[in-house]
Amino acid sequence: MSTTATPVTALPGKYLTVVLDNEAYGIAVLKVREIIRLQKITPVPQVPGYVKGVINLRGRVIPVVDLRVKFGLKAEFGERTCIVVVQVKLPSEQVVQMGLIVDCVEEVVTLTAGEIEPTPDFGAKVDTGYLLGMAKVKGQVKTLLDIDRVVAPETVQALVQTV
């Protein structure tokens, strides 16, 4: 029996759920450093459109990515729009902090192995490499993100060198 689903790589544990254009996504809590209000973002020239620029976070300059733009979703700023600061591991094993713009933060959920399913196969044209799996929480499906892969590693590497 062959399966066309991508194997589950999401581990049971705690996930911060965030909303992007009315859809819920989960980020492993261990990757999340803090949640901050939206603030002035300094643009950086010649970066992909989803990279909004950089912010000064207590003396550290960190790049900021708009996840809504990255995923091709409607990007409107509301009163609950915020930045989730995460730690991203680069292919070089270097760990950097990045800000992710999200519509709002929902909650922290604890997921068991039974609540996590493989990412469905969407066909050859759809890249699901940044998805860890799908979680069923209170009757809703939440997409679990591999935050190290969401932003193309080469983009992050270039940004880190720019900053």
N, C-alpha and C. Protein backbone atom coordinates (compact mmCIF):
# COMPACT_ATOMS: atom_id res chain seq x y z
N MET A 1 0.85 -1.19 0.00
CA MET A 1 0.00 0.00 0.00
C MET A 1 0.88 1.24 0.00
N SER A 2 0.71 2.09 -0.98
CA SER A 2 1.52 3.31 -1.03
C SER A 2 0.65 4.49 -0.63
N THR A 3 1.29 5.42 0.02
CA THR A 3 0.57 6.63 0.42
C THR A 3 1.19 7.82 -0.29
N THR A 4 0.34 8.79 -0.63
CA THR A 4 0.86 9.96 -1.35
C THR A 4 1.06 11.14 -0.41
N ALA A 5 0.76 10.95 0.86
CA ALA A 5 0.91 12.06 1.81
C ALA A 5 2.37 12.20 2.23
N THR A 6 2.76 13.43 2.52
CA THR A 6 4.09 13.69 3.04
C THR A 6 4.14 13.17 4.47
N PRO A 7 5.23 12.49 4.87
CA PRO A 7 5.29 11.98 6.24
C PRO A 7 5.19 13.11 7.26
N VAL A 8 4.65 12.77 8.42
CA VAL A 8 4.54 13.75 9.50
C VAL A 8 5.93 14.01 10.06
N THR A 9 6.30 15.27 10.12
CA THR A 9 7.56 15.62 10.76
C THR A 9 7.32 16.47 11.99
N ALA A 10 6.04 16.79 12.24
CA ALA A 10 5.70 17.58 13.42
C ALA A 10 5.73 16.67 14.64
N LEU A 11 6.33 17.15 15.68
CA LEU A 11 6.40 16.39 16.91
C LEU A 11 5.27 16.81 17.84
N PRO A 12 4.76 15.89 18.63
CA PRO A 12 3.78 16.29 19.64
C PRO A 12 4.41 17.35 20.55
N GLY A 13 3.60 18.23 21.06
CA GLY A 13 4.11 19.27 21.95
C GLY A 13 3.28 20.53 21.86
N LYS A 14 3.86 21.63 22.32
CA LYS A 14 3.15 22.91 22.36
C LYS A 14 3.40 23.71 21.09
N TYR A 15 2.32 24.29 20.55
CA TYR A 15 2.38 25.12 19.36
C TYR A 15 1.63 26.42 19.60
N LEU A 16 2.23 27.53 19.17
CA LEU A 16 1.55 28.83 19.20
C LEU A 16 0.74 28.89 17.91
N THR A 17 -0.58 29.13 18.04
CA THR A 17 -1.38 29.25 16.83
C THR A 17 -1.57 30.72 16.49
N VAL A 18 -1.36 31.02 15.21
CA VAL A 18 -1.49 32.38 14.70
C VAL A 18 -2.47 32.35 13.53
N VAL A 19 -3.04 33.52 13.22
CA VAL A 19 -4.02 33.61 12.14
C VAL A 19 -3.45 34.43 11.00
N LEU A 20 -3.61 33.90 9.78
CA LEU A 20 -3.26 34.61 8.55
C LEU A 20 -4.47 34.52 7.64
N ASP A 21 -5.11 35.64 7.34
CA ASP A 21 -6.27 35.69 6.45
C ASP A 21 -7.31 34.63 6.84
N ASN A 22 -7.69 34.63 8.11
CA ASN A 22 -8.72 33.74 8.67
C ASN A 22 -8.37 32.26 8.69
N GLU A 23 -7.12 31.91 8.46
CA GLU A 23 -6.68 30.52 8.57
C GLU A 23 -5.68 30.41 9.71
N ALA A 24 -5.72 29.29 10.43
CA ALA A 24 -4.86 29.11 11.60
C ALA A 24 -3.62 28.29 11.24
N TYR A 25 -2.49 28.72 11.77
CA TYR A 25 -1.21 28.05 11.56
C TYR A 25 -0.55 27.85 12.91
N GLY A 26 0.24 26.79 13.03
CA GLY A 26 0.92 26.51 14.28
C GLY A 26 2.43 26.63 14.12
N ILE A 27 3.05 27.24 15.12
CA ILE A 27 4.51 27.38 15.17
C ILE A 27 4.96 26.75 16.49
N ALA A 28 5.95 25.87 16.42
CA ALA A 28 6.45 25.23 17.65
C ALA A 28 6.84 26.30 18.67
N VAL A 29 6.32 26.17 19.88
CA VAL A 29 6.58 27.16 20.93
C VAL A 29 8.09 27.31 21.18
N LEU A 30 8.84 26.23 21.05
CA LEU A 30 10.28 26.31 21.30
C LEU A 30 10.99 27.24 20.32
N LYS A 31 10.36 27.52 19.18
CA LYS A 31 10.95 28.44 18.20
C LYS A 31 10.58 29.90 18.48
N VAL A 32 9.54 30.11 19.27
CA VAL A 32 9.03 31.47 19.52
C VAL A 32 9.80 32.11 20.66
N ARG A 33 10.30 33.32 20.42
CA ARG A 33 11.02 34.07 21.45
C ARG A 33 10.10 35.06 22.15
N GLU A 34 9.31 35.80 21.36
CA GLU A 34 8.39 36.77 21.95
C GLU A 34 7.38 37.24 20.92
N ILE A 35 6.36 37.93 21.39
CA ILE A 35 5.34 38.51 20.53
C ILE A 35 5.33 40.00 20.82
N ILE A 36 5.47 40.81 19.78
CA ILE A 36 5.55 42.27 19.98
C ILE A 36 4.52 42.96 19.08
N ARG A 37 4.19 44.20 19.46
CA ARG A 37 3.31 45.01 18.63
C ARG A 37 3.99 45.34 17.32
N LEU A 38 3.17 45.61 16.33
CA LEU A 38 3.70 46.08 15.05
C LEU A 38 4.39 47.41 15.30
N GLN A 39 5.55 47.61 14.72
CA GLN A 39 6.29 48.85 14.89
C GLN A 39 6.88 49.28 13.57
N LYS A 40 7.57 50.42 13.58
CA LYS A 40 8.15 50.94 12.35
C LYS A 40 9.19 49.94 11.82
N ILE A 41 9.01 49.58 10.55
CA ILE A 41 9.91 48.65 9.89
C ILE A 41 10.73 49.43 8.87
N THR A 42 12.05 49.32 8.96
CA THR A 42 12.93 50.00 8.02
C THR A 42 13.10 49.13 6.78
N PRO A 43 12.70 49.65 5.60
CA PRO A 43 12.82 48.85 4.38
C PRO A 43 14.28 48.56 4.03
N VAL A 44 14.51 47.42 3.39
CA VAL A 44 15.83 47.03 2.91
C VAL A 44 15.70 46.85 1.40
N PRO A 45 16.54 47.53 0.60
CA PRO A 45 16.41 47.42 -0.85
C PRO A 45 16.79 46.03 -1.37
N GLN A 46 16.21 45.67 -2.49
CA GLN A 46 16.53 44.45 -3.24
C GLN A 46 16.35 43.16 -2.45
N VAL A 47 15.25 43.09 -1.72
CA VAL A 47 14.89 41.84 -1.05
C VAL A 47 13.55 41.38 -1.62
N PRO A 48 13.19 40.11 -1.47
CA PRO A 48 11.89 39.65 -1.97
C PRO A 48 10.75 40.46 -1.35
N GLY A 49 9.61 40.54 -2.04
CA GLY A 49 8.47 41.34 -1.61
C GLY A 49 7.92 41.00 -0.24
N TYR A 50 8.06 39.74 0.17
CA TYR A 50 7.53 39.35 1.47
C TYR A 50 8.44 39.77 2.63
N VAL A 51 9.65 40.22 2.32
CA VAL A 51 10.54 40.73 3.36
C VAL A 51 10.26 42.22 3.51
N LYS A 52 9.69 42.58 4.64
CA LYS A 52 9.26 43.97 4.84
C LYS A 52 10.42 44.88 5.23
N GLY A 53 11.50 44.32 5.76
CA GLY A 53 12.65 45.11 6.17
C GLY A 53 13.20 44.62 7.50
N VAL A 54 13.67 45.57 8.31
CA VAL A 54 14.26 45.21 9.60
C VAL A 54 13.68 46.10 10.71
N ILE A 55 13.75 45.59 11.94
CA ILE A 55 13.38 46.39 13.11
C ILE A 55 14.53 46.34 14.10
N ASN A 56 14.53 47.32 15.00
CA ASN A 56 15.49 47.37 16.09
C ASN A 56 14.78 46.81 17.31
N LEU A 57 15.20 45.64 17.76
CA LEU A 57 14.59 45.01 18.91
C LEU A 57 15.59 45.02 20.05
N ARG A 58 15.42 46.01 20.93
CA ARG A 58 16.33 46.19 22.07
C ARG A 58 17.80 46.12 21.65
N GLY A 59 18.14 46.88 20.61
CA GLY A 59 19.53 46.97 20.19
C GLY A 59 19.96 45.94 19.17
N ARG A 60 19.10 44.96 18.88
CA ARG A 60 19.41 43.97 17.84
C ARG A 60 18.58 44.27 16.61
N VAL A 61 19.23 44.23 15.46
CA VAL A 61 18.52 44.45 14.20
C VAL A 61 18.09 43.09 13.68
N ILE A 62 16.75 42.91 13.51
CA ILE A 62 16.27 41.62 13.01
C ILE A 62 15.40 41.82 11.77
N PRO A 63 15.49 40.91 10.80
CA PRO A 63 14.65 41.00 9.61
C PRO A 63 13.20 40.65 9.93
N VAL A 64 12.28 41.23 9.16
CA VAL A 64 10.86 40.98 9.36
C VAL A 64 10.25 40.50 8.04
N VAL A 65 9.53 39.39 8.12
CA VAL A 65 8.88 38.78 6.97
C VAL A 65 7.37 38.85 7.18
N ASP A 66 6.63 39.25 6.15
CA ASP A 66 5.17 39.24 6.22
C ASP A 66 4.70 37.88 5.71
N LEU A 67 4.29 37.00 6.63
CA LEU A 67 3.87 35.65 6.25
C LEU A 67 2.68 35.67 5.30
N ARG A 68 1.82 36.69 5.42
CA ARG A 68 0.65 36.74 4.55
C ARG A 68 1.09 36.92 3.10
N VAL A 69 2.07 37.80 2.88
CA VAL A 69 2.58 38.03 1.52
C VAL A 69 3.32 36.79 1.04
N LYS A 70 4.11 36.18 1.91
CA LYS A 70 4.87 34.97 1.57
C LYS A 70 3.94 33.87 1.08
N PHE A 71 2.77 33.73 1.71
CA PHE A 71 1.83 32.68 1.35
C PHE A 71 0.81 33.13 0.30
N GLY A 72 0.97 34.35 -0.24
CA GLY A 72 0.05 34.83 -1.28
C GLY A 72 -1.34 35.16 -0.75
N LEU A 73 -1.43 35.54 0.52
CA LEU A 73 -2.71 35.86 1.13
C LEU A 73 -2.93 37.37 1.16
N LYS A 74 -4.16 37.75 1.45
CA LYS A 74 -4.49 39.16 1.59
C LYS A 74 -3.76 39.71 2.81
N ALA A 75 -3.05 40.82 2.63
CA ALA A 75 -2.25 41.39 3.71
C ALA A 75 -2.82 42.74 4.11
N GLU A 76 -3.65 42.73 5.12
CA GLU A 76 -4.21 43.98 5.65
C GLU A 76 -3.81 44.11 7.11
N PHE A 77 -3.38 45.31 7.48
CA PHE A 77 -2.99 45.53 8.86
C PHE A 77 -4.21 45.90 9.69
N GLY A 78 -4.39 45.21 10.81
CA GLY A 78 -5.51 45.49 11.71
C GLY A 78 -4.96 45.82 13.09
N GLU A 79 -5.86 46.04 14.03
CA GLU A 79 -5.40 46.41 15.37
C GLU A 79 -4.74 45.24 16.10
N ARG A 80 -5.00 44.01 15.67
CA ARG A 80 -4.37 42.85 16.31
C ARG A 80 -3.16 42.33 15.55
N THR A 81 -2.81 42.98 14.42
CA THR A 81 -1.63 42.58 13.67
C THR A 81 -0.41 42.74 14.56
N CYS A 82 0.44 41.72 14.59
CA CYS A 82 1.62 41.78 15.46
C CYS A 82 2.79 41.05 14.81
N ILE A 83 3.92 41.09 15.49
CA ILE A 83 5.13 40.42 15.02
C ILE A 83 5.49 39.33 16.02
N VAL A 84 5.62 38.11 15.50
CA VAL A 84 6.07 36.99 16.32
C VAL A 84 7.56 36.84 16.04
N VAL A 85 8.37 37.00 17.07
CA VAL A 85 9.82 36.87 16.92
C VAL A 85 10.18 35.40 17.13
N VAL A 86 10.82 34.81 16.12
CA VAL A 86 11.17 33.38 16.17
C VAL A 86 12.66 33.20 15.95
N GLN A 87 13.15 32.04 16.38
CA GLN A 87 14.52 31.66 16.10
C GLN A 87 14.51 30.72 14.91
N VAL A 88 15.31 31.05 13.90
CA VAL A 88 15.39 30.25 12.69
C VAL A 88 16.79 29.67 12.59
N LYS A 89 16.87 28.37 12.30
CA LYS A 89 18.17 27.73 12.12
C LYS A 89 18.48 27.71 10.63
N LEU A 90 19.61 28.30 10.25
CA LEU A 90 20.03 28.35 8.86
C LEU A 90 20.71 27.03 8.48
N PRO A 91 20.82 26.75 7.17
CA PRO A 91 21.53 25.53 6.75
C PRO A 91 22.95 25.46 7.30
N SER A 92 23.55 26.62 7.57
CA SER A 92 24.91 26.66 8.13
C SER A 92 24.92 26.35 9.63
N GLU A 93 23.75 26.02 10.18
CA GLU A 93 23.57 25.75 11.61
C GLU A 93 23.57 27.02 12.46
N GLN A 94 23.76 28.19 11.84
CA GLN A 94 23.68 29.45 12.57
C GLN A 94 22.21 29.69 12.95
N VAL A 95 21.97 30.18 14.16
CA VAL A 95 20.62 30.48 14.62
C VAL A 95 20.45 31.99 14.65
N VAL A 96 19.39 32.48 13.98
CA VAL A 96 19.13 33.91 13.92
C VAL A 96 17.68 34.17 14.35
N GLN A 97 17.43 35.40 14.77
CA GLN A 97 16.07 35.78 15.11
C GLN A 97 15.46 36.53 13.93
N MET A 98 14.16 36.28 13.72
CA MET A 98 13.40 36.94 12.67
C MET A 98 12.04 37.30 13.21
N GLY A 99 11.44 38.34 12.63
CA GLY A 99 10.08 38.70 12.97
C GLY A 99 9.13 38.23 11.88
N LEU A 100 7.99 37.70 12.27
CA LEU A 100 6.97 37.25 11.33
C LEU A 100 5.70 38.06 11.57
N ILE A 101 5.25 38.78 10.55
CA ILE A 101 4.01 39.55 10.70
C ILE A 101 2.83 38.60 10.51
N VAL A 102 1.93 38.59 11.51
CA VAL A 102 0.72 37.76 11.46
C VAL A 102 -0.49 38.64 11.78
N ASP A 103 -1.67 38.19 11.37
CA ASP A 103 -2.90 38.96 11.64
C ASP A 103 -3.17 39.03 13.14
N CYS A 104 -3.00 37.90 13.83
CA CYS A 104 -3.16 37.90 15.28
C CYS A 104 -2.65 36.57 15.83
N VAL A 105 -2.45 36.55 17.12
CA VAL A 105 -2.04 35.35 17.83
C VAL A 105 -3.28 34.78 18.49
N GLU A 106 -3.49 33.46 18.38
CA GLU A 106 -4.68 32.84 18.97
C GLU A 106 -4.38 32.31 20.37
N GLU A 107 -3.65 31.20 20.43
CA GLU A 107 -3.44 30.53 21.71
C GLU A 107 -2.27 29.57 21.59
N VAL A 108 -1.89 29.00 22.72
CA VAL A 108 -0.90 27.93 22.72
C VAL A 108 -1.69 26.63 22.91
N VAL A 109 -1.47 25.67 22.01
CA VAL A 109 -2.16 24.39 22.11
C VAL A 109 -1.12 23.29 22.32
N THR A 110 -1.51 22.27 23.07
CA THR A 110 -0.66 21.10 23.25
C THR A 110 -1.22 20.01 22.35
N LEU A 111 -0.41 19.54 21.42
CA LEU A 111 -0.85 18.54 20.45
C LEU A 111 -0.26 17.18 20.78
N THR A 112 -1.09 16.16 20.69
CA THR A 112 -0.63 14.79 20.85
C THR A 112 -0.35 14.22 19.47
N ALA A 113 0.36 13.10 19.42
CA ALA A 113 0.66 12.46 18.13
C ALA A 113 -0.62 12.13 17.37
N GLY A 114 -1.68 11.78 18.08
CA GLY A 114 -2.95 11.43 17.44
C GLY A 114 -3.67 12.60 16.80
N GLU A 115 -3.30 13.82 17.19
CA GLU A 115 -3.94 15.01 16.62
C GLU A 115 -3.20 15.55 15.40
N ILE A 116 -2.05 14.97 15.08
CA ILE A 116 -1.23 15.46 13.97
C ILE A 116 -1.28 14.46 12.82
N GLU A 117 -1.59 14.96 11.64
CA GLU A 117 -1.66 14.11 10.45
C GLU A 117 -0.64 14.58 9.43
N PRO A 118 -0.31 13.69 8.49
CA PRO A 118 0.63 14.09 7.43
C PRO A 118 0.05 15.20 6.57
N THR A 119 0.94 15.95 5.93
CA THR A 119 0.51 16.97 4.97
C THR A 119 0.00 16.24 3.72
N PRO A 120 -1.21 16.57 3.25
CA PRO A 120 -1.71 15.90 2.05
C PRO A 120 -0.84 16.21 0.84
N ASP A 121 -0.86 15.33 -0.13
CA ASP A 121 -0.12 15.54 -1.38
C ASP A 121 -0.98 16.43 -2.27
N PHE A 122 -0.49 17.62 -2.57
CA PHE A 122 -1.24 18.56 -3.40
C PHE A 122 -0.84 18.45 -4.87
N GLY A 123 0.03 17.51 -5.20
CA GLY A 123 0.49 17.39 -6.58
C GLY A 123 1.92 17.89 -6.70
N ALA A 124 2.50 17.61 -7.84
CA ALA A 124 3.92 17.91 -8.05
C ALA A 124 4.24 19.39 -8.05
N LYS A 125 3.29 20.24 -8.39
CA LYS A 125 3.56 21.68 -8.53
C LYS A 125 3.54 22.44 -7.22
N VAL A 126 3.05 21.82 -6.16
CA VAL A 126 2.90 22.52 -4.88
C VAL A 126 4.03 22.11 -3.93
N ASP A 127 4.80 23.11 -3.47
CA ASP A 127 5.89 22.84 -2.54
C ASP A 127 5.34 22.83 -1.11
N THR A 128 5.38 21.68 -0.47
CA THR A 128 4.89 21.58 0.91
C THR A 128 6.06 21.33 1.87
N GLY A 129 7.28 21.61 1.43
CA GLY A 129 8.46 21.37 2.24
C GLY A 129 8.49 22.15 3.54
N TYR A 130 7.74 23.26 3.60
CA TYR A 130 7.75 24.07 4.82
C TYR A 130 6.61 23.70 5.76
N LEU A 131 5.86 22.63 5.44
CA LEU A 131 4.77 22.19 6.30
C LEU A 131 5.22 20.97 7.10
N LEU A 132 4.97 20.99 8.40
CA LEU A 132 5.30 19.85 9.26
C LEU A 132 4.19 18.82 9.26
N GLY A 133 2.96 19.29 9.08
CA GLY A 133 1.80 18.42 9.13
C GLY A 133 0.56 19.24 9.39
N MET A 134 -0.54 18.56 9.61
CA MET A 134 -1.82 19.22 9.87
C MET A 134 -2.31 18.74 11.24
N ALA A 135 -2.86 19.66 12.02
CA ALA A 135 -3.36 19.31 13.34
C ALA A 135 -4.86 19.55 13.40
N LYS A 136 -5.56 18.66 14.09
CA LYS A 136 -6.98 18.83 14.32
C LYS A 136 -7.16 19.32 15.75
N VAL A 137 -7.62 20.54 15.90
CA VAL A 137 -7.79 21.13 17.22
C VAL A 137 -9.21 21.67 17.33
N LYS A 138 -9.99 21.13 18.25
CA LYS A 138 -11.36 21.59 18.48
C LYS A 138 -12.16 21.66 17.18
N GLY A 139 -12.03 20.63 16.35
CA GLY A 139 -12.80 20.58 15.12
C GLY A 139 -12.25 21.41 13.97
N GLN A 140 -11.15 22.11 14.18
CA GLN A 140 -10.55 22.92 13.13
C GLN A 140 -9.21 22.33 12.73
N VAL A 141 -8.85 22.54 11.46
CA VAL A 141 -7.55 22.09 10.98
C VAL A 141 -6.58 23.27 11.06
N LYS A 142 -5.43 23.02 11.64
CA LYS A 142 -4.39 24.05 11.74
C LYS A 142 -3.16 23.51 11.02
N THR A 143 -2.58 24.32 10.17
CA THR A 143 -1.39 23.94 9.42
C THR A 143 -0.16 24.20 10.28
N LEU A 144 0.67 23.18 10.47
CA LEU A 144 1.87 23.32 11.30
C LEU A 144 3.05 23.68 10.41
N LEU A 145 3.70 24.79 10.73
CA LEU A 145 4.78 25.32 9.89
C LEU A 145 6.16 24.91 10.40
N ASP A 146 7.02 24.56 9.46
CA ASP A 146 8.44 24.34 9.78
C ASP A 146 9.10 25.70 9.61
N ILE A 147 9.23 26.43 10.70
CA ILE A 147 9.65 27.82 10.64
C ILE A 147 11.06 27.97 10.06
N ASP A 148 11.89 26.93 10.18
CA ASP A 148 13.23 26.99 9.59
C ASP A 148 13.17 26.96 8.06
N ARG A 149 12.07 26.46 7.51
CA ARG A 149 11.96 26.35 6.05
C ARG A 149 10.96 27.32 5.43
N VAL A 150 10.13 27.97 6.25
CA VAL A 150 9.10 28.85 5.71
C VAL A 150 9.71 29.94 4.83
N VAL A 151 10.72 30.58 5.35
CA VAL A 151 11.43 31.59 4.57
C VAL A 151 12.58 30.83 3.92
N ALA A 152 12.70 30.97 2.61
CA ALA A 152 13.75 30.24 1.90
C ALA A 152 15.09 30.48 2.60
N PRO A 153 15.79 29.41 2.97
CA PRO A 153 17.05 29.57 3.71
C PRO A 153 18.05 30.50 3.04
N GLU A 154 18.10 30.46 1.70
CA GLU A 154 19.05 31.35 1.02
C GLU A 154 18.66 32.82 1.18
N THR A 155 17.35 33.09 1.28
CA THR A 155 16.89 34.47 1.51
C THR A 155 17.30 34.93 2.90
N VAL A 156 17.10 34.04 3.88
CA VAL A 156 17.47 34.37 5.26
C VAL A 156 18.98 34.62 5.34
N GLN A 157 19.74 33.73 4.71
CA GLN A 157 21.20 33.86 4.73
C GLN A 157 21.62 35.21 4.14
N ALA A 158 21.02 35.59 3.01
CA ALA A 158 21.34 36.87 2.37
C ALA A 158 20.95 38.04 3.26
N LEU A 159 19.78 37.92 3.91
CA LEU A 159 19.31 38.98 4.81
C LEU A 159 20.26 39.15 5.99
N VAL A 160 20.64 38.03 6.58
CA VAL A 160 21.53 38.07 7.75
C VAL A 160 22.84 38.75 7.38
N GLN A 161 23.36 38.45 6.18
CA GLN A 161 24.61 39.06 5.76
C GLN A 161 24.43 40.55 5.47
N THR A 162 23.22 40.94 4.98
CA THR A 162 22.92 42.34 4.72
C THR A 162 22.85 43.12 6.03
N VAL A 163 22.16 42.51 7.01
CA VAL A 163 21.96 43.16 8.31
C VAL A 163 23.25 43.05 9.08
